[in-house]
Amino acid sequence: MAGHSKWKNIQHRKGRQDAIKGKIFAKLGREIYVAARRGDKDPANNNQLRLAIAKAKSQNMPNENIERAIKKAAGEGDGSNYESITYEGYGPDGIAVLVEALTDNRNRTAADVRFAFTKRGGNLGESGCVSWMFKRLGVIEIEKEEVSMEEEEMELFLLDLDPEDMEISEDTYEVYIEPERLEEVQAYLEQQEIPLSTAEVSMIPENKVKVHGDTIKKVLDLIDALEDHDDIQAVYTNFDADENEIEKYS
């Protein structure tokens, strides 16, 4: 599970670019819409909706956008009906790729996803072909510079949370917990006045595949093509590379 923050940093940079184009807000709004359609329209009674709203707020999505998505789910919108679909496949050098989509036209999205894989040296696989390589976990990331505790003291503090796993890098603490505990642990850390840079449910690869050179560019091109699609909410892979090499090609 090590290195989640390294890849997230690159995603965050891309996320800021998307925000300028308004894409990220559209995707977050769709996620809120689907969560509200599936359950109670009141976030207090809908865990999935609370998490979607928290994710949107972490990206500085305006409250009016959030409220609009919830109202749309309640029947005050244009009547679009989205469904969740997960695509699985292999990228360059056989890396595993897991794609989560929300679409109102599954045929269009499937064709586009297949094209993205094929054009960039990958192939779309059958359901279940790579999902077994990932584990769904809550991920909490804390910037070291944001906390006053020394590393050893902070490590013991985080271990008391009984995490599934934990990774300490040069700049961050990453805590992996069961998805059902994410809100509870997040609330506790906030009560302790510990700022969080990330608190989300993610698909974490059990093992990573190291790639080098031009293969990194091919992998990043595939991820970019998928993430740029309006219907794609998230892309997960088990690829790993040296951070300097990733910077070179991203």
C-alpha atoms as a PDB file:
ATOM      1  CA  MET A   1       0.000   0.000   0.000  1.00  0.00           C
ATOM      2  CA  ALA A   2       3.023   2.256   0.270  1.00  0.00           C
ATOM      3  CA  GLY A   3       3.247   5.296  -1.952  1.00  0.00           C
ATOM      4  CA  HIS A   4      -0.427   6.250  -2.117  1.00  0.00           C
ATOM      5  CA  SER A   5       0.391   9.909  -1.473  1.00  0.00           C
ATOM      6  CA  LYS A   6       2.995   9.994  -4.255  1.00  0.00           C
ATOM      7  CA  TRP A   7       0.373   9.121  -6.855  1.00  0.00           C
ATOM      8  CA  LYS A   8      -2.308  11.241  -5.166  1.00  0.00           C
ATOM      9  CA  ASN A   9      -0.040  14.297  -5.408  1.00  0.00           C
ATOM     10  CA  ILE A  10       0.025  13.891  -9.181  1.00  0.00           C
ATOM     11  CA  GLN A  11      -3.737  13.383  -9.264  1.00  0.00           C
ATOM     12  CA  HIS A  12      -4.197  16.504  -7.154  1.00  0.00           C
ATOM     13  CA  ARG A  13      -2.148  18.575  -9.594  1.00  0.00           C
ATOM     14  CA  LYS A  14      -4.281  17.281 -12.437  1.00  0.00           C
ATOM     15  CA  GLY A  15      -7.362  17.916 -10.295  1.00  0.00           C
ATOM     16  CA  ARG A  16      -6.499  21.586  -9.992  1.00  0.00           C
ATOM     17  CA  GLN A  17      -6.254  21.826 -13.770  1.00  0.00           C
ATOM     18  CA  ASP A  18      -9.619  20.102 -14.139  1.00  0.00           C
ATOM     19  CA  ALA A  19     -11.169  22.503 -11.644  1.00  0.00           C
ATOM     20  CA  ILE A  20     -10.239  25.415 -13.899  1.00  0.00           C
ATOM     21  CA  LYS A  21     -12.207  23.760 -16.687  1.00  0.00           C
ATOM     22  CA  GLY A  22     -15.063  22.962 -14.346  1.00  0.00           C
ATOM     23  CA  LYS A  23     -14.776  19.233 -14.965  1.00  0.00           C
ATOM     24  CA  ILE A  24     -14.057  18.195 -11.429  1.00  0.00           C
ATOM     25  CA  PHE A  25     -17.133  19.978 -10.086  1.00  0.00           C
ATOM     26  CA  ALA A  26     -19.306  18.258 -12.681  1.00  0.00           C
ATOM     27  CA  LYS A  27     -17.966  14.857 -11.640  1.00  0.00           C
ATOM     28  CA  LEU A  28     -18.377  15.581  -7.943  1.00  0.00           C
ATOM     29  CA  GLY A  29     -21.903  16.825  -8.567  1.00  0.00           C
ATOM     30  CA  ARG A  30     -22.743  13.610 -10.361  1.00  0.00           C
ATOM     31  CA  GLU A  31     -21.373  11.580  -7.455  1.00  0.00           C
ATOM     32  CA  ILE A  32     -23.532  13.542  -5.001  1.00  0.00           C
ATOM     33  CA  TYR A  33     -26.544  13.111  -7.275  1.00  0.00           C
ATOM     34  CA  VAL A  34     -26.168   9.331  -7.424  1.00  0.00           C
ATOM     35  CA  ALA A  35     -25.618   9.045  -3.669  1.00  0.00           C
ATOM     36  CA  ALA A  36     -28.754  11.083  -3.025  1.00  0.00           C
ATOM     37  CA  ARG A  37     -30.797   9.076  -5.532  1.00  0.00           C
ATOM     38  CA  ARG A  38     -29.821   5.818  -3.855  1.00  0.00           C
ATOM     39  CA  GLY A  39     -30.715   6.838  -0.315  1.00  0.00           C
ATOM     40  CA  ASP A  40     -32.068   9.542   1.919  1.00  0.00           C
ATOM     41  CA  LYS A  41     -31.681  13.079   0.578  1.00  0.00           C
ATOM     42  CA  ASP A  42     -30.646  14.178   4.076  1.00  0.00           C
ATOM     43  CA  PRO A  43     -26.869  13.663   4.527  1.00  0.00           C
ATOM     44  CA  ALA A  44     -27.430  12.920   8.220  1.00  0.00           C
ATOM     45  CA  ASN A  45     -29.182   9.699   7.202  1.00  0.00           C
ATOM     46  CA  ASN A  46     -27.063   8.775   4.184  1.00  0.00           C
ATOM     47  CA  ASN A  47     -23.433   7.787   4.736  1.00  0.00           C
ATOM     48  CA  GLN A  48     -22.565   7.667   1.028  1.00  0.00           C
ATOM     49  CA  LEU A  49     -23.999  11.145   0.514  1.00  0.00           C
ATOM     50  CA  ARG A  50     -22.056  12.528   3.494  1.00  0.00           C
ATOM     51  CA  LEU A  51     -18.809  11.158   2.084  1.00  0.00           C
ATOM     52  CA  ALA A  52     -19.573  12.565  -1.371  1.00  0.00           C
ATOM     53  CA  ILE A  53     -20.313  15.996   0.083  1.00  0.00           C
ATOM     54  CA  ALA A  54     -17.148  15.924   2.198  1.00  0.00           C
ATOM     55  CA  LYS A  55     -15.125  15.042  -0.893  1.00  0.00           C
ATOM     56  CA  ALA A  56     -16.731  17.901  -2.819  1.00  0.00           C
ATOM     57  CA  LYS A  57     -16.028  20.396  -0.052  1.00  0.00           C
ATOM     58  CA  SER A  58     -12.388  19.288   0.089  1.00  0.00           C
ATOM     59  CA  GLN A  59     -12.184  20.431  -3.546  1.00  0.00           C
ATOM     60  CA  ASN A  60     -13.815  23.780  -2.648  1.00  0.00           C
ATOM     61  CA  MET A  61     -17.000  22.990  -4.530  1.00  0.00           C
ATOM     62  CA  PRO A  62     -19.559  25.760  -3.807  1.00  0.00           C
ATOM     63  CA  ASN A  63     -22.466  24.864  -1.532  1.00  0.00           C
ATOM     64  CA  GLU A  64     -24.927  25.918  -4.218  1.00  0.00           C
ATOM     65  CA  ASN A  65     -23.499  23.261  -6.554  1.00  0.00           C
ATOM     66  CA  ILE A  66     -23.870  20.639  -3.837  1.00  0.00           C
ATOM     67  CA  GLU A  67     -27.443  21.664  -3.096  1.00  0.00           C
ATOM     68  CA  ARG A  68     -28.295  21.686  -6.801  1.00  0.00           C
ATOM     69  CA  ALA A  69     -27.111  18.092  -7.187  1.00  0.00           C
ATOM     70  CA  ILE A  70     -29.209  16.958  -4.210  1.00  0.00           C
ATOM     71  CA  LYS A  71     -32.295  18.795  -5.497  1.00  0.00           C
ATOM     72  CA  LYS A  72     -31.791  17.205  -8.901  1.00  0.00           C
ATOM     73  CA  ALA A  73     -31.781  13.781  -7.253  1.00  0.00           C
ATOM     74  CA  ALA A  74     -35.022  14.684  -5.500  1.00  0.00           C
ATOM     75  CA  GLY A  75     -36.688  15.210  -8.866  1.00  0.00           C
ATOM     76  CA  GLU A  76     -36.118  18.907  -9.387  1.00  0.00           C
ATOM     77  CA  GLY A  77     -33.579  18.465 -12.165  1.00  0.00           C
ATOM     78  CA  ASP A  78     -33.567  17.313 -15.788  1.00  0.00           C
ATOM     79  CA  GLY A  79     -34.436  13.708 -15.034  1.00  0.00           C
ATOM     80  CA  SER A  80     -31.076  12.167 -16.037  1.00  0.00           C
ATOM     81  CA  ASN A  81     -30.569   8.732 -14.568  1.00  0.00           C
ATOM     82  CA  TYR A  82     -26.982   7.646 -13.931  1.00  0.00           C
ATOM     83  CA  GLU A  83     -25.748   4.167 -13.096  1.00  0.00           C
ATOM     84  CA  SER A  84     -22.458   3.035 -11.598  1.00  0.00           C
ATOM     85  CA  ILE A  85     -20.269   0.790 -13.731  1.00  0.00           C
ATOM     86  CA  THR A  86     -16.793  -0.561 -13.032  1.00  0.00           C
ATOM     87  CA  TYR A  87     -14.477  -1.445 -15.900  1.00  0.00           C
ATOM     88  CA  GLU A  88     -11.382  -3.596 -15.492  1.00  0.00           C
ATOM     89  CA  GLY A  89      -8.438  -4.081 -17.767  1.00  0.00           C
ATOM     90  CA  TYR A  90      -4.714  -4.058 -18.343  1.00  0.00           C
ATOM     91  CA  GLY A  91      -2.481  -1.179 -19.310  1.00  0.00           C
ATOM     92  CA  PRO A  92       1.059  -1.101 -20.745  1.00  0.00           C
ATOM     93  CA  ASP A  93       3.325  -3.804 -19.274  1.00  0.00           C
ATOM     94  CA  GLY A  94       0.227  -5.558 -17.944  1.00  0.00           C
ATOM     95  CA  ILE A  95      -0.493  -3.146 -15.102  1.00  0.00           C
ATOM     96  CA  ALA A  96      -3.948  -3.534 -13.552  1.00  0.00           C
ATOM     97  CA  VAL A  97      -6.433  -0.733 -14.199  1.00  0.00           C
ATOM     98  CA  LEU A  98      -9.750  -0.300 -12.402  1.00  0.00           C
ATOM     99  CA  VAL A  99     -12.146   2.366 -13.690  1.00  0.00           C
ATOM    100  CA  GLU A 100     -15.230   3.642 -11.868  1.00  0.00           C
ATOM    101  CA  ALA A 101     -17.825   5.416 -13.993  1.00  0.00           C
ATOM    102  CA  LEU A 102     -21.218   7.081 -13.609  1.00  0.00           C
ATOM    103  CA  THR A 103     -23.067   7.136 -16.900  1.00  0.00           C
ATOM    104  CA  ASP A 104     -26.470   7.704 -18.437  1.00  0.00           C
ATOM    105  CA  ASN A 105     -25.433   5.727 -21.537  1.00  0.00           C
ATOM    106  CA  ARG A 106     -23.529   2.541 -20.799  1.00  0.00           C
ATOM    107  CA  ASN A 107     -22.969   1.689 -24.485  1.00  0.00           C
ATOM    108  CA  ARG A 108     -21.293   5.034 -25.156  1.00  0.00           C
ATOM    109  CA  THR A 109     -19.103   4.823 -22.072  1.00  0.00           C
ATOM    110  CA  ALA A 110     -18.074   1.205 -22.680  1.00  0.00           C
ATOM    111  CA  ALA A 111     -17.057   2.009 -26.252  1.00  0.00           C
ATOM    112  CA  ASP A 112     -15.062   5.049 -25.167  1.00  0.00           C
ATOM    113  CA  VAL A 113     -13.293   3.187 -22.359  1.00  0.00           C
ATOM    114  CA  ARG A 114     -12.431   0.290 -24.674  1.00  0.00           C
ATOM    115  CA  PHE A 115     -11.034   2.733 -27.237  1.00  0.00           C
ATOM    116  CA  ALA A 116      -8.901   4.469 -24.592  1.00  0.00           C
ATOM    117  CA  PHE A 117      -7.383   1.147 -23.533  1.00  0.00           C
ATOM    118  CA  THR A 118      -6.772  -0.132 -27.071  1.00  0.00           C
ATOM    119  CA  LYS A 119      -5.249   3.091 -28.396  1.00  0.00           C
ATOM    120  CA  ARG A 120      -2.737   3.267 -25.544  1.00  0.00           C
ATOM    121  CA  GLY A 121      -1.387  -0.260 -25.480  1.00  0.00           C
ATOM    122  CA  GLY A 122      -3.866  -1.831 -23.087  1.00  0.00           C
ATOM    123  CA  ASN A 123      -6.959  -3.952 -23.281  1.00  0.00           C
ATOM    124  CA  LEU A 124     -10.295  -3.983 -21.538  1.00  0.00           C
ATOM    125  CA  GLY A 125     -10.877  -7.217 -19.609  1.00  0.00           C
ATOM    126  CA  GLU A 126     -13.736  -9.159 -18.105  1.00  0.00           C
ATOM    127  CA  SER A 127     -15.403  -8.252 -14.833  1.00  0.00           C
ATOM    128  CA  GLY A 128     -13.266  -9.501 -11.956  1.00  0.00           C
ATOM    129  CA  CYS A 129     -10.030  -9.791 -13.920  1.00  0.00           C
ATOM    130  CA  VAL A 130      -8.132  -7.241 -11.784  1.00  0.00           C
ATOM    131  CA  SER A 131     -10.475  -6.141  -8.974  1.00  0.00           C
ATOM    132  CA  TRP A 132      -9.133  -8.941  -6.769  1.00  0.00           C
ATOM    133  CA  MET A 133      -5.781  -7.119  -6.763  1.00  0.00           C
ATOM    134  CA  PHE A 134      -7.292  -4.130  -4.934  1.00  0.00           C
ATOM    135  CA  LYS A 135      -8.747  -3.577  -1.494  1.00  0.00           C
ATOM    136  CA  ARG A 136     -11.377  -0.957  -0.734  1.00  0.00           C
ATOM    137  CA  LEU A 137     -10.149   1.136   2.194  1.00  0.00           C
ATOM    138  CA  GLY A 138     -10.601   4.486   3.801  1.00  0.00           C
ATOM    139  CA  VAL A 139      -7.488   6.597   3.324  1.00  0.00           C
ATOM    140  CA  ILE A 140      -6.553   9.458   5.606  1.00  0.00           C
ATOM    141  CA  GLU A 141      -3.533  11.550   4.737  1.00  0.00           C
ATOM    142  CA  ILE A 142      -1.924  14.049   7.081  1.00  0.00           C
ATOM    143  CA  GLU A 143       0.827  16.473   6.139  1.00  0.00           C
ATOM    144  CA  LYS A 144       3.707  16.302   8.629  1.00  0.00           C
ATOM    145  CA  GLU A 145       4.192  20.049   8.568  1.00  0.00           C
ATOM    146  CA  GLU A 146       0.594  20.513   9.754  1.00  0.00           C
ATOM    147  CA  VAL A 147       1.068  18.684  13.081  1.00  0.00           C
ATOM    148  CA  SER A 148       3.169  19.668  16.063  1.00  0.00           C
ATOM    149  CA  MET A 149       3.910  16.158  17.357  1.00  0.00           C
ATOM    150  CA  GLU A 150       7.244  14.524  16.664  1.00  0.00           C
ATOM    151  CA  GLU A 151       7.145  11.589  14.250  1.00  0.00           C
ATOM    152  CA  GLU A 152       7.493   8.882  16.917  1.00  0.00           C
ATOM    153  CA  GLU A 153       4.751  10.403  19.059  1.00  0.00           C
ATOM    154  CA  MET A 154       2.479  10.833  16.046  1.00  0.00           C
ATOM    155  CA  GLU A 155       3.063   7.252  14.959  1.00  0.00           C
ATOM    156  CA  LEU A 156       1.981   5.941  18.359  1.00  0.00           C
ATOM    157  CA  PHE A 157      -1.049   8.228  18.297  1.00  0.00           C
ATOM    158  CA  LEU A 158      -2.104   6.899  14.897  1.00  0.00           C
ATOM    159  CA  LEU A 159      -1.502   3.284  15.898  1.00  0.00           C
ATOM    160  CA  ASP A 160      -4.051   3.784  18.675  1.00  0.00           C
ATOM    161  CA  LEU A 161      -6.629   4.240  15.903  1.00  0.00           C
ATOM    162  CA  ASP A 162      -6.176   0.525  15.103  1.00  0.00           C
ATOM    163  CA  PRO A 163      -5.559   1.055  11.380  1.00  0.00           C
ATOM    164  CA  GLU A 164      -5.431  -1.699   8.765  1.00  0.00           C
ATOM    165  CA  ASP A 165      -2.071  -0.304   7.702  1.00  0.00           C
ATOM    166  CA  MET A 166      -0.025   2.849   7.964  1.00  0.00           C
ATOM    167  CA  GLU A 167       2.704   4.439   5.861  1.00  0.00           C
ATOM    168  CA  ILE A 168       5.055   7.219   6.920  1.00  0.00           C
ATOM    169  CA  SER A 169       6.862   9.051   4.148  1.00  0.00           C
ATOM    170  CA  GLU A 170       9.105  12.092   4.132  1.00  0.00           C
ATOM    171  CA  ASP A 171       6.168  14.501   4.035  1.00  0.00           C
ATOM    172  CA  THR A 172       3.038  12.622   5.077  1.00  0.00           C
ATOM    173  CA  TYR A 173       1.353  10.106   7.341  1.00  0.00           C
ATOM    174  CA  GLU A 174      -1.044   7.776   5.537  1.00  0.00           C
ATOM    175  CA  VAL A 175      -3.564   5.796   7.553  1.00  0.00           C
ATOM    176  CA  TYR A 176      -5.607   2.974   6.008  1.00  0.00           C
ATOM    177  CA  ILE A 177      -8.810   1.948   7.762  1.00  0.00           C
ATOM    178  CA  GLU A 178     -11.996   0.023   7.055  1.00  0.00           C
ATOM    179  CA  PRO A 179     -14.313   2.184   4.910  1.00  0.00           C
ATOM    180  CA  GLU A 180     -17.060   1.932   7.536  1.00  0.00           C
ATOM    181  CA  ARG A 181     -14.805   3.635  10.086  1.00  0.00           C
ATOM    182  CA  LEU A 182     -13.740   6.557   7.890  1.00  0.00           C
ATOM    183  CA  GLU A 183     -16.234   9.091   9.218  1.00  0.00           C
ATOM    184  CA  GLU A 184     -15.652   8.058  12.820  1.00  0.00           C
ATOM    185  CA  VAL A 185     -11.864   8.316  12.580  1.00  0.00           C
ATOM    186  CA  GLN A 186     -12.027  11.529  10.553  1.00  0.00           C
ATOM    187  CA  ALA A 187     -14.280  13.144  13.162  1.00  0.00           C
ATOM    188  CA  TYR A 188     -11.981  12.030  15.975  1.00  0.00           C
ATOM    189  CA  LEU A 189      -8.889  13.467  14.301  1.00  0.00           C
ATOM    190  CA  GLU A 190     -10.687  16.735  13.640  1.00  0.00           C
ATOM    191  CA  GLN A 191     -11.708  16.870  17.302  1.00  0.00           C
ATOM    192  CA  GLN A 192      -8.017  16.514  18.127  1.00  0.00           C
ATOM    193  CA  GLU A 193      -7.371  19.474  15.811  1.00  0.00           C
ATOM    194  CA  ILE A 194      -5.285  17.443  13.391  1.00  0.00           C
ATOM    195  CA  PRO A 195      -5.686  18.845   9.840  1.00  0.00           C
ATOM    196  CA  LEU A 196      -6.367  16.250   7.147  1.00  0.00           C
ATOM    197  CA  SER A 197      -5.259  16.684   3.547  1.00  0.00           C
ATOM    198  CA  THR A 198      -7.237  13.625   2.369  1.00  0.00           C
ATOM    199  CA  ALA A 199     -10.059  11.560   3.823  1.00  0.00           C
ATOM    200  CA  GLU A 200     -11.711   9.342   1.236  1.00  0.00           C
ATOM    201  CA  VAL A 201     -12.595   5.795   0.272  1.00  0.00           C
ATOM    202  CA  SER A 202     -10.234   4.448  -2.359  1.00  0.00           C
ATOM    203  CA  MET A 203      -9.224   1.219  -4.063  1.00  0.00           C
ATOM    204  CA  ILE A 204      -5.709   0.400  -2.894  1.00  0.00           C
ATOM    205  CA  PRO A 205      -3.572  -2.159  -4.755  1.00  0.00           C
ATOM    206  CA  GLU A 206      -2.357  -5.033  -2.608  1.00  0.00           C
ATOM    207  CA  ASN A 207       0.923  -5.074  -4.557  1.00  0.00           C
ATOM    208  CA  LYS A 208       2.467  -2.653  -7.030  1.00  0.00           C
ATOM    209  CA  VAL A 209       4.247  -3.170 -10.342  1.00  0.00           C
ATOM    210  CA  LYS A 210       7.359  -1.049 -10.915  1.00  0.00           C
ATOM    211  CA  VAL A 211       7.664   0.495 -14.374  1.00  0.00           C
ATOM    212  CA  HIS A 212      10.392   2.602 -15.953  1.00  0.00           C
ATOM    213  CA  GLY A 213      11.136   4.961 -18.829  1.00  0.00           C
ATOM    214  CA  ASP A 214       8.693   5.278 -21.702  1.00  0.00           C
ATOM    215  CA  THR A 215       6.299   2.845 -20.058  1.00  0.00           C
ATOM    216  CA  ILE A 216       5.590   5.494 -17.404  1.00  0.00           C
ATOM    217  CA  LYS A 217       4.491   7.931 -20.109  1.00  0.00           C
ATOM    218  CA  LYS A 218       2.246   5.287 -21.690  1.00  0.00           C
ATOM    219  CA  VAL A 219       0.628   4.526 -18.353  1.00  0.00           C
ATOM    220  CA  LEU A 220       0.111   8.199 -17.537  1.00  0.00           C
ATOM    221  CA  ASP A 221      -1.344   8.807 -21.009  1.00  0.00           C
ATOM    222  CA  LEU A 222      -3.883   6.028 -20.441  1.00  0.00           C
ATOM    223  CA  ILE A 223      -4.829   7.355 -17.019  1.00  0.00           C
ATOM    224  CA  ASP A 224      -5.166  10.902 -18.376  1.00  0.00           C
ATOM    225  CA  ALA A 225      -7.354   9.748 -21.267  1.00  0.00           C
ATOM    226  CA  LEU A 226      -9.663   7.895 -18.909  1.00  0.00           C
ATOM    227  CA  GLU A 227      -9.822  10.655 -16.294  1.00  0.00           C
ATOM    228  CA  ASP A 228     -10.559  13.262 -18.953  1.00  0.00           C
ATOM    229  CA  HIS A 229     -13.751  11.425 -19.907  1.00  0.00           C
ATOM    230  CA  ASP A 230     -16.815  13.071 -18.398  1.00  0.00           C
ATOM    231  CA  ASP A 231     -18.290   9.742 -17.264  1.00  0.00           C
ATOM    232  CA  ILE A 232     -15.192   8.525 -15.409  1.00  0.00           C
ATOM    233  CA  GLN A 233     -15.165   9.234 -11.673  1.00  0.00           C
ATOM    234  CA  ALA A 234     -11.946   7.482 -10.634  1.00  0.00           C
ATOM    235  CA  VAL A 235      -9.081   5.466 -12.077  1.00  0.00           C
ATOM    236  CA  TYR A 236      -6.996   3.111  -9.937  1.00  0.00           C
ATOM    237  CA  THR A 237      -3.868   1.233 -10.968  1.00  0.00           C
ATOM    238  CA  ASN A 238      -1.184  -0.905  -9.375  1.00  0.00           C
ATOM    239  CA  PHE A 239       1.660   0.819 -11.178  1.00  0.00           C
ATOM    240  CA  ASP A 240       4.600   2.340  -9.333  1.00  0.00           C
ATOM    241  CA  ALA A 241       7.603   4.328 -10.455  1.00  0.00           C
ATOM    242  CA  ASP A 242      10.301   6.577  -9.113  1.00  0.00           C
ATOM    243  CA  GLU A 243       8.790   9.952  -8.243  1.00  0.00           C
ATOM    244  CA  ASN A 244      11.361  11.856 -10.289  1.00  0.00           C
ATOM    245  CA  GLU A 245      10.504   9.751 -13.335  1.00  0.00           C
ATOM    246  CA  ILE A 246       6.804  10.339 -12.810  1.00  0.00           C
ATOM    247  CA  GLU A 247       7.446  14.089 -12.569  1.00  0.00           C
ATOM    248  CA  LYS A 248       9.381  13.930 -15.835  1.00  0.00           C
ATOM    249  CA  TYR A 249       6.490  12.429 -17.776  1.00  0.00           C
ATOM    250  CA  SER A 250       3.485  13.982 -16.002  1.00  0.00           C
END
